[in-house]
Amino acid sequence: MNDPMFYGYTAALGISGAFLLVLALQPWLKTSTGLRVLNGLIGVGFLGYAFYLLFLFEGDEYRIFIYAFIAPILLLVQTVRQSKAQQNA
């Protein structure tokens, strides 16, 4: 596929997934286990979907999910809020 938007989308998925995995694995962030697991699962899902699109997908049409851009931002905000709340407690 020679569509620049396709490669931009898969790059955004990969970057978002890696970012969420880093958030999940940071020991200095005082967050709940549930939030860490959620960050990790969504991060693995994003990375897996980016891998699928880049290396296994053979179609001509693909869908761009807006959640790939919104979810990492919302999870980052929640992680920072929870971490600050734990540090102040």
PDB file of N, CA and C in Angstrom:
ATOM      1  N   MET A   1       0.853  -1.173   0.000  1.00  0.00           N
ATOM      2  CA  MET A   1       0.000   0.000   0.000  1.00  0.00           C
ATOM      3  C   MET A   1       0.899   1.236   0.000  1.00  0.00           C
ATOM      4  N   ASN A   2       0.626   2.181  -0.877  1.00  0.00           N
ATOM      5  CA  ASN A   2       1.439   3.386  -1.013  1.00  0.00           C
ATOM      6  C   ASN A   2       0.730   4.635  -0.513  1.00  0.00           C
ATOM      7  N   ASP A   3      -0.157   4.484   0.427  1.00  0.00           N
ATOM      8  CA  ASP A   3      -0.919   5.597   0.977  1.00  0.00           C
ATOM      9  C   ASP A   3      -0.169   6.187   2.171  1.00  0.00           C
ATOM     10  N   PRO A   4       0.258   7.451   2.111  1.00  0.00           N
ATOM     11  CA  PRO A   4       0.980   8.046   3.242  1.00  0.00           C
ATOM     12  C   PRO A   4       0.144   8.095   4.520  1.00  0.00           C
ATOM     13  N   MET A   5      -1.166   8.245   4.384  1.00  0.00           N
ATOM     14  CA  MET A   5      -2.026   8.279   5.566  1.00  0.00           C
ATOM     15  C   MET A   5      -2.003   6.926   6.280  1.00  0.00           C
ATOM     16  N   PHE A   6      -1.922   5.857   5.514  1.00  0.00           N
ATOM     17  CA  PHE A   6      -1.844   4.519   6.082  1.00  0.00           C
ATOM     18  C   PHE A   6      -0.606   4.389   6.968  1.00  0.00           C
ATOM     19  N   TYR A   7       0.539   4.826   6.467  1.00  0.00           N
ATOM     20  CA  TYR A   7       1.771   4.723   7.238  1.00  0.00           C
ATOM     21  C   TYR A   7       1.775   5.685   8.425  1.00  0.00           C
ATOM     22  N   GLY A   8       1.167   6.832   8.270  1.00  0.00           N
ATOM     23  CA  GLY A   8       1.035   7.754   9.393  1.00  0.00           C
ATOM     24  C   GLY A   8       0.159   7.181  10.496  1.00  0.00           C
ATOM     25  N   TYR A   9      -0.927   6.543  10.082  1.00  0.00           N
ATOM     26  CA  TYR A   9      -1.840   5.934  11.050  1.00  0.00           C
ATOM     27  C   TYR A   9      -1.163   4.780  11.792  1.00  0.00           C
ATOM     28  N   THR A  10      -0.466   3.926  11.069  1.00  0.00           N
ATOM     29  CA  THR A  10       0.211   2.808  11.729  1.00  0.00           C
ATOM     30  C   THR A  10       1.333   3.321  12.634  1.00  0.00           C
ATOM     31  N   ALA A  11       2.013   4.392  12.236  1.00  0.00           N
ATOM     32  CA  ALA A  11       3.039   4.979  13.105  1.00  0.00           C
ATOM     33  C   ALA A  11       2.401   5.535  14.373  1.00  0.00           C
ATOM     34  N   ALA A  12       1.259   6.209  14.238  1.00  0.00           N
ATOM     35  CA  ALA A  12       0.555   6.739  15.409  1.00  0.00           C
ATOM     36  C   ALA A  12       0.113   5.610  16.335  1.00  0.00           C
ATOM     37  N   LEU A  13      -0.361   4.515  15.765  1.00  0.00           N
ATOM     38  CA  LEU A  13      -0.745   3.360  16.580  1.00  0.00           C
ATOM     39  C   LEU A  13       0.457   2.802  17.330  1.00  0.00           C
ATOM     40  N   GLY A  14       1.566   2.643  16.634  1.00  0.00           N
ATOM     41  CA  GLY A  14       2.766   2.100  17.255  1.00  0.00           C
ATOM     42  C   GLY A  14       3.306   2.999  18.352  1.00  0.00           C
ATOM     43  N   ILE A  15       3.353   4.287  18.106  1.00  0.00           N
ATOM     44  CA  ILE A  15       3.847   5.240  19.100  1.00  0.00           C
ATOM     45  C   ILE A  15       2.922   5.275  20.312  1.00  0.00           C
ATOM     46  N   SER A  16       1.619   5.302  20.061  1.00  0.00           N
ATOM     47  CA  SER A  16       0.649   5.301  21.172  1.00  0.00           C
ATOM     48  C   SER A  16       0.768   4.030  21.995  1.00  0.00           C
ATOM     49  N   GLY A  17       0.899   2.894  21.324  1.00  0.00           N
ATOM     50  CA  GLY A  17       1.030   1.626  22.033  1.00  0.00           C
ATOM     51  C   GLY A  17       2.289   1.565  22.878  1.00  0.00           C
ATOM     52  N   ALA A  18       3.410   1.998  22.311  1.00  0.00           N
ATOM     53  CA  ALA A  18       4.667   1.998  23.057  1.00  0.00           C
ATOM     54  C   ALA A  18       4.584   2.949  24.247  1.00  0.00           C
ATOM     55  N   PHE A  19       3.980   4.107  24.046  1.00  0.00           N
ATOM     56  CA  PHE A  19       3.821   5.083  25.116  1.00  0.00           C
ATOM     57  C   PHE A  19       2.994   4.510  26.260  1.00  0.00           C
ATOM     58  N   LEU A  20       1.902   3.840  25.936  1.00  0.00           N
ATOM     59  CA  LEU A  20       1.053   3.261  26.974  1.00  0.00           C
ATOM     60  C   LEU A  20       1.768   2.131  27.711  1.00  0.00           C
ATOM     61  N   LEU A  21       2.578   1.362  27.007  1.00  0.00           N
ATOM     62  CA  LEU A  21       3.348   0.316  27.687  1.00  0.00           C
ATOM     63  C   LEU A  21       4.373   0.927  28.638  1.00  0.00           C
ATOM     64  N   VAL A  22       5.000   2.015  28.236  1.00  0.00           N
ATOM     65  CA  VAL A  22       5.946   2.698  29.126  1.00  0.00           C
ATOM     66  C   VAL A  22       5.220   3.205  30.375  1.00  0.00           C
ATOM     67  N   LEU A  23       4.035   3.777  30.192  1.00  0.00           N
ATOM     68  CA  LEU A  23       3.252   4.222  31.354  1.00  0.00           C
ATOM     69  C   LEU A  23       2.922   3.056  32.281  1.00  0.00           C
ATOM     70  N   ALA A  24       2.600   1.923  31.700  1.00  0.00           N
ATOM     71  CA  ALA A  24       2.218   0.758  32.505  1.00  0.00           C
ATOM     72  C   ALA A  24       3.402   0.207  33.298  1.00  0.00           C
ATOM     73  N   LEU A  25       4.602   0.367  32.779  1.00  0.00           N
ATOM     74  CA  LEU A  25       5.771  -0.256  33.399  1.00  0.00           C
ATOM     75  C   LEU A  25       6.596   0.666  34.287  1.00  0.00           C
ATOM     76  N   GLN A  26       6.208   1.924  34.415  1.00  0.00           N
ATOM     77  CA  GLN A  26       6.975   2.871  35.228  1.00  0.00           C
ATOM     78  C   GLN A  26       6.762   2.617  36.714  1.00  0.00           C
ATOM     79  N   PRO A  27       7.814   2.250  37.439  1.00  0.00           N
ATOM     80  CA  PRO A  27       7.637   1.972  38.868  1.00  0.00           C
ATOM     81  C   PRO A  27       7.454   3.234  39.710  1.00  0.00           C
ATOM     82  N   TRP A  28       7.936   4.380  39.252  1.00  0.00           N
ATOM     83  CA  TRP A  28       7.840   5.606  40.047  1.00  0.00           C
ATOM     84  C   TRP A  28       6.459   6.235  39.987  1.00  0.00           C
ATOM     85  N   LEU A  29       5.633   5.816  39.043  1.00  0.00           N
ATOM     86  CA  LEU A  29       4.249   6.303  39.012  1.00  0.00           C
ATOM     87  C   LEU A  29       3.432   5.490  40.004  1.00  0.00           C
ATOM     88  N   LYS A  30       2.874   6.148  40.948  1.00  0.00           N
ATOM     89  CA  LYS A  30       2.085   5.464  41.984  1.00  0.00           C
ATOM     90  C   LYS A  30       0.642   5.345  41.510  1.00  0.00           C
ATOM     91  N   THR A  31       0.381   4.375  40.675  1.00  0.00           N
ATOM     92  CA  THR A  31      -0.967   4.164  40.157  1.00  0.00           C
ATOM     93  C   THR A  31      -1.461   2.783  40.567  1.00  0.00           C
ATOM     94  N   SER A  32      -2.756   2.598  40.442  1.00  0.00           N
ATOM     95  CA  SER A  32      -3.349   1.320  40.825  1.00  0.00           C
ATOM     96  C   SER A  32      -2.961   0.238  39.832  1.00  0.00           C
ATOM     97  N   THR A  33      -3.064  -0.982  40.286  1.00  0.00           N
ATOM     98  CA  THR A  33      -2.767  -2.124  39.427  1.00  0.00           C
ATOM     99  C   THR A  33      -3.729  -2.175  38.252  1.00  0.00           C
ATOM    100  N   GLY A  34      -4.979  -1.834  38.492  1.00  0.00           N
ATOM    101  CA  GLY A  34      -5.976  -1.852  37.421  1.00  0.00           C
ATOM    102  C   GLY A  34      -5.639  -0.888  36.296  1.00  0.00           C
ATOM    103  N   LEU A  35      -5.185   0.310  36.650  1.00  0.00           N
ATOM    104  CA  LEU A  35      -4.819   1.286  35.624  1.00  0.00           C
ATOM    105  C   LEU A  35      -3.567   0.850  34.870  1.00  0.00           C
ATOM    106  N   ARG A  36      -2.631   0.244  35.582  1.00  0.00           N
ATOM    107  CA  ARG A  36      -1.436  -0.276  34.908  1.00  0.00           C
ATOM    108  C   ARG A  36      -1.807  -1.381  33.925  1.00  0.00           C
ATOM    109  N   VAL A  37      -2.676  -2.258  34.348  1.00  0.00           N
ATOM    110  CA  VAL A  37      -3.110  -3.346  33.468  1.00  0.00           C
ATOM    111  C   VAL A  37      -3.852  -2.778  32.259  1.00  0.00           C
ATOM    112  N   LEU A  38      -4.719  -1.807  32.476  1.00  0.00           N
ATOM    113  CA  LEU A  38      -5.454  -1.190  31.373  1.00  0.00           C
ATOM    114  C   LEU A  38      -4.496  -0.518  30.387  1.00  0.00           C
ATOM    115  N   ASN A  39      -3.526   0.253  30.896  1.00  0.00           N
ATOM    116  CA  ASN A  39      -2.530   0.869  30.028  1.00  0.00           C
ATOM    117  C   ASN A  39      -1.766  -0.190  29.237  1.00  0.00           C
ATOM    118  N   GLY A  40      -1.385  -1.266  29.913  1.00  0.00           N
ATOM    119  CA  GLY A  40      -0.634  -2.331  29.248  1.00  0.00           C
ATOM    120  C   GLY A  40      -1.446  -3.049  28.180  1.00  0.00           C
ATOM    121  N   LEU A  41      -2.694  -3.371  28.490  1.00  0.00           N
ATOM    122  CA  LEU A  41      -3.534  -4.087  27.518  1.00  0.00           C
ATOM    123  C   LEU A  41      -3.832  -3.244  26.288  1.00  0.00           C
ATOM    124  N   ILE A  42      -4.157  -1.997  26.501  1.00  0.00           N
ATOM    125  CA  ILE A  42      -4.441  -1.124  25.359  1.00  0.00           C
ATOM    126  C   ILE A  42      -3.163  -0.873  24.570  1.00  0.00           C
ATOM    127  N   GLY A  43      -2.036  -0.728  25.260  1.00  0.00           N
ATOM    128  CA  GLY A  43      -0.761  -0.557  24.573  1.00  0.00           C
ATOM    129  C   GLY A  43      -0.411  -1.757  23.708  1.00  0.00           C
ATOM    130  N   VAL A  44      -0.588  -2.951  24.248  1.00  0.00           N
ATOM    131  CA  VAL A  44      -0.326  -4.171  23.470  1.00  0.00           C
ATOM    132  C   VAL A  44      -1.300  -4.269  22.296  1.00  0.00           C
ATOM    133  N   GLY A  45      -2.555  -3.891  22.523  1.00  0.00           N
ATOM    134  CA  GLY A  45      -3.539  -3.913  21.444  1.00  0.00           C
ATOM    135  C   GLY A  45      -3.174  -2.968  20.309  1.00  0.00           C
ATOM    136  N   PHE A  46      -2.756  -1.755  20.649  1.00  0.00           N
ATOM    137  CA  PHE A  46      -2.354  -0.787  19.626  1.00  0.00           C
ATOM    138  C   PHE A  46      -1.130  -1.273  18.862  1.00  0.00           C
ATOM    139  N   LEU A  47      -0.131  -1.782  19.592  1.00  0.00           N
ATOM    140  CA  LEU A  47       1.064  -2.298  18.919  1.00  0.00           C
ATOM    141  C   LEU A  47       0.736  -3.497  18.036  1.00  0.00           C
ATOM    142  N   GLY A  48      -0.134  -4.358  18.529  1.00  0.00           N
ATOM    143  CA  GLY A  48      -0.530  -5.520  17.741  1.00  0.00           C
ATOM    144  C   GLY A  48      -1.272  -5.132  16.472  1.00  0.00           C
ATOM    145  N   TYR A  49      -2.144  -4.161  16.565  1.00  0.00           N
ATOM    146  CA  TYR A  49      -2.890  -3.722  15.394  1.00  0.00           C
ATOM    147  C   TYR A  49      -1.965  -3.024  14.390  1.00  0.00           C
ATOM    148  N   ALA A  50      -1.005  -2.246  14.896  1.00  0.00           N
ATOM    149  CA  ALA A  50      -0.029  -1.607  14.003  1.00  0.00           C
ATOM    150  C   ALA A  50       0.808  -2.661  13.295  1.00  0.00           C
ATOM    151  N   PHE A  51       1.226  -3.690  14.023  1.00  0.00           N
ATOM    152  CA  PHE A  51       1.988  -4.790  13.412  1.00  0.00           C
ATOM    153  C   PHE A  51       1.157  -5.490  12.350  1.00  0.00           C
ATOM    154  N   TYR A  52      -0.088  -5.769  12.671  1.00  0.00           N
ATOM    155  CA  TYR A  52      -0.974  -6.423  11.705  1.00  0.00           C
ATOM    156  C   TYR A  52      -1.118  -5.589  10.433  1.00  0.00           C
ATOM    157  N   LEU A  53      -1.368  -4.299  10.600  1.00  0.00           N
ATOM    158  CA  LEU A  53      -1.550  -3.445   9.422  1.00  0.00           C
ATOM    159  C   LEU A  53      -0.280  -3.359   8.583  1.00  0.00           C
ATOM    160  N   LEU A  54       0.869  -3.260   9.223  1.00  0.00           N
ATOM    161  CA  LEU A  54       2.114  -3.105   8.475  1.00  0.00           C
ATOM    162  C   LEU A  54       2.580  -4.386   7.796  1.00  0.00           C
ATOM    163  N   PHE A  55       2.439  -5.521   8.471  1.00  0.00           N
ATOM    164  CA  PHE A  55       3.073  -6.735   7.981  1.00  0.00           C
ATOM    165  C   PHE A  55       2.118  -7.823   7.493  1.00  0.00           C
ATOM    166  N   LEU A  56       0.879  -7.824   7.915  1.00  0.00           N
ATOM    167  CA  LEU A  56      -0.030  -8.907   7.558  1.00  0.00           C
ATOM    168  C   LEU A  56      -1.202  -8.468   6.689  1.00  0.00           C
ATOM    169  N   PHE A  57      -1.572  -7.232   6.769  1.00  0.00           N
ATOM    170  CA  PHE A  57      -2.739  -6.710   6.054  1.00  0.00           C
ATOM    171  C   PHE A  57      -2.456  -6.647   4.558  1.00  0.00           C
ATOM    172  N   GLU A  58      -3.376  -7.203   3.773  1.00  0.00           N
ATOM    173  CA  GLU A  58      -3.197  -7.221   2.325  1.00  0.00           C
ATOM    174  C   GLU A  58      -4.364  -6.578   1.582  1.00  0.00           C
ATOM    175  N   GLY A  59      -5.246  -5.922   2.278  1.00  0.00           N
ATOM    176  CA  GLY A  59      -6.408  -5.313   1.654  1.00  0.00           C
ATOM    177  C   GLY A  59      -6.122  -3.927   1.110  1.00  0.00           C
ATOM    178  N   ASP A  60      -7.146  -3.365   0.499  1.00  0.00           N
ATOM    179  CA  ASP A  60      -7.035  -2.018  -0.051  1.00  0.00           C
ATOM    180  C   ASP A  60      -7.699  -0.976   0.838  1.00  0.00           C
ATOM    181  N   GLU A  61      -8.589  -1.408   1.711  1.00  0.00           N
ATOM    182  CA  GLU A  61      -9.312  -0.481   2.571  1.00  0.00           C
ATOM    183  C   GLU A  61      -9.013  -0.792   4.032  1.00  0.00           C
ATOM    184  N   TYR A  62      -8.918   0.244   4.821  1.00  0.00           N
ATOM    185  CA  TYR A  62      -8.712   0.110   6.251  1.00  0.00           C
ATOM    186  C   TYR A  62      -9.493   1.215   6.944  1.00  0.00           C
ATOM    187  N   ARG A  63      -9.743   1.027   8.208  1.00  0.00           N
ATOM    188  CA  ARG A  63     -10.495   2.013   8.986  1.00  0.00           C
ATOM    189  C   ARG A  63      -9.555   2.727   9.934  1.00  0.00           C
ATOM    190  N   ILE A  64      -9.756   4.028  10.044  1.00  0.00           N
ATOM    191  CA  ILE A  64      -9.009   4.814  11.015  1.00  0.00           C
ATOM    192  C   ILE A  64      -9.928   5.036  12.208  1.00  0.00           C
ATOM    193  N   PHE A  65      -9.527   4.508  13.340  1.00  0.00           N
ATOM    194  CA  PHE A  65     -10.306   4.644  14.565  1.00  0.00           C
ATOM    195  C   PHE A  65      -9.822   5.870  15.325  1.00  0.00           C
ATOM    196  N   ILE A  66     -10.721   6.777  15.601  1.00  0.00           N
ATOM    197  CA  ILE A  66     -10.379   7.998  16.325  1.00  0.00           C
ATOM    198  C   ILE A  66      -9.912   7.683  17.743  1.00  0.00           C
ATOM    199  N   TYR A  67     -10.308   6.521  18.270  1.00  0.00           N
ATOM    200  CA  TYR A  67      -9.908   6.116  19.615  1.00  0.00           C
ATOM    201  C   TYR A  67      -8.391   5.962  19.726  1.00  0.00           C
ATOM    202  N   ALA A  68      -7.743   5.681  18.610  1.00  0.00           N
ATOM    203  CA  ALA A  68      -6.286   5.533  18.627  1.00  0.00           C
ATOM    204  C   ALA A  68      -5.600   6.840  18.981  1.00  0.00           C
ATOM    205  N   PHE A  69      -6.291   7.944  18.816  1.00  0.00           N
ATOM    206  CA  PHE A  69      -5.720   9.245  19.132  1.00  0.00           C
ATOM    207  C   PHE A  69      -6.245   9.787  20.461  1.00  0.00           C
ATOM    208  N   ILE A  70      -7.439   9.388  20.845  1.00  0.00           N
ATOM    209  CA  ILE A  70      -8.055   9.898  22.069  1.00  0.00           C
ATOM    210  C   ILE A  70      -7.670   9.063  23.292  1.00  0.00           C
ATOM    211  N   ALA A  71      -7.649   7.761  23.169  1.00  0.00           N
ATOM    212  CA  ALA A  71      -7.401   6.871  24.304  1.00  0.00           C
ATOM    213  C   ALA A  71      -6.062   7.130  24.995  1.00  0.00           C
ATOM    214  N   PRO A  72      -4.963   7.278  24.275  1.00  0.00           N
ATOM    215  CA  PRO A  72      -3.695   7.526  24.982  1.00  0.00           C
ATOM    216  C   PRO A  72      -3.704   8.833  25.772  1.00  0.00           C
ATOM    217  N   ILE A  73      -4.350   9.849  25.250  1.00  0.00           N
ATOM    218  CA  ILE A  73      -4.422  11.130  25.955  1.00  0.00           C
ATOM    219  C   ILE A  73      -5.240  10.981  27.232  1.00  0.00           C
ATOM    220  N   LEU A  74      -6.396  10.325  27.128  1.00  0.00           N
ATOM    221  CA  LEU A  74      -7.239  10.124  28.314  1.00  0.00           C
ATOM    222  C   LEU A  74      -6.542   9.262  29.360  1.00  0.00           C
ATOM    223  N   LEU A  75      -5.856   8.221  28.921  1.00  0.00           N
ATOM    224  CA  LEU A  75      -5.152   7.357  29.866  1.00  0.00           C
ATOM    225  C   LEU A  75      -3.974   8.082  30.508  1.00  0.00           C
ATOM    226  N   LEU A  76      -3.290   8.931  29.759  1.00  0.00           N
ATOM    227  CA  LEU A  76      -2.201   9.718  30.337  1.00  0.00           C
ATOM    228  C   LEU A  76      -2.734  10.670  31.407  1.00  0.00           C
ATOM    229  N   VAL A  77      -3.826  11.346  31.106  1.00  0.00           N
ATOM    230  CA  VAL A  77      -4.421  12.276  32.075  1.00  0.00           C
ATOM    231  C   VAL A  77      -4.833  11.523  33.340  1.00  0.00           C
ATOM    232  N   GLN A  78      -5.476  10.377  33.183  1.00  0.00           N
ATOM    233  CA  GLN A  78      -5.907   9.597  34.343  1.00  0.00           C
ATOM    234  C   GLN A  78      -4.710   9.087  35.144  1.00  0.00           C
ATOM    235  N   THR A  79      -3.661   8.663  34.464  1.00  0.00           N
ATOM    236  CA  THR A  79      -2.467   8.174  35.150  1.00  0.00           C
ATOM    237  C   THR A  79      -1.812   9.287  35.954  1.00  0.00           C
ATOM    238  N   VAL A  80      -1.694  10.464  35.379  1.00  0.00           N
ATOM    239  CA  VAL A  80      -1.087  11.598  36.087  1.00  0.00           C
ATOM    240  C   VAL A  80      -1.952  11.999  37.274  1.00  0.00           C
ATOM    241  N   ARG A  81      -3.250  12.061  37.091  1.00  0.00           N
ATOM    242  CA  ARG A  81      -4.151  12.410  38.209  1.00  0.00           C
ATOM    243  C   ARG A  81      -4.009  11.417  39.360  1.00  0.00           C
ATOM    244  N   GLN A  82      -4.046  10.137  39.018  1.00  0.00           N
ATOM    245  CA  GLN A  82      -3.972   9.119  40.058  1.00  0.00           C
ATOM    246  C   GLN A  82      -2.611   9.120  40.746  1.00  0.00           C
ATOM    247  N   SER A  83      -1.563   9.348  39.992  1.00  0.00           N
ATOM    248  CA  SER A  83      -0.226   9.393  40.558  1.00  0.00           C
ATOM    249  C   SER A  83      -0.076  10.571  41.513  1.00  0.00           C
ATOM    250  N   LYS A  84      -0.591  11.741  41.128  1.00  0.00           N
ATOM    251  CA  LYS A  84      -0.533  12.917  42.006  1.00  0.00           C
ATOM    252  C   LYS A  84      -1.360  12.706  43.261  1.00  0.00           C
ATOM    253  N   ALA A  85      -2.523  12.082  43.114  1.00  0.00           N
ATOM    254  CA  ALA A  85      -3.380  11.823  44.270  1.00  0.00           C
ATOM    255  C   ALA A  85      -2.698  10.869  45.244  1.00  0.00           C
ATOM    256  N   GLN A  86      -2.005   9.862  44.730  1.00  0.00           N
ATOM    257  CA  GLN A  86      -1.294   8.910  45.598  1.00  0.00           C
ATOM    258  C   GLN A  86      -0.110   9.570  46.303  1.00  0.00           C
ATOM    259  N   GLN A  87       0.569  10.484  45.612  1.00  0.00           N
ATOM    260  CA  GLN A  87       1.715  11.159  46.218  1.00  0.00           C
ATOM    261  C   GLN A  87       1.284  12.133  47.308  1.00  0.00           C
ATOM    262  N   ASN A  88       0.109  12.747  47.135  1.00  0.00           N
ATOM    263  CA  ASN A  88      -0.402  13.702  48.124  1.00  0.00           C
ATOM    264  C   ASN A  88      -1.059  13.019  49.314  1.00  0.00           C
ATOM    265  N   ALA A  89      -1.398  11.761  49.174  1.00  0.00           N
ATOM    266  CA  ALA A  89      -2.084  11.045  50.262  1.00  0.00           C
ATOM    267  C   ALA A  89      -1.128  10.544  51.306  1.00  0.00           C
TER     268      ALA A  89
END
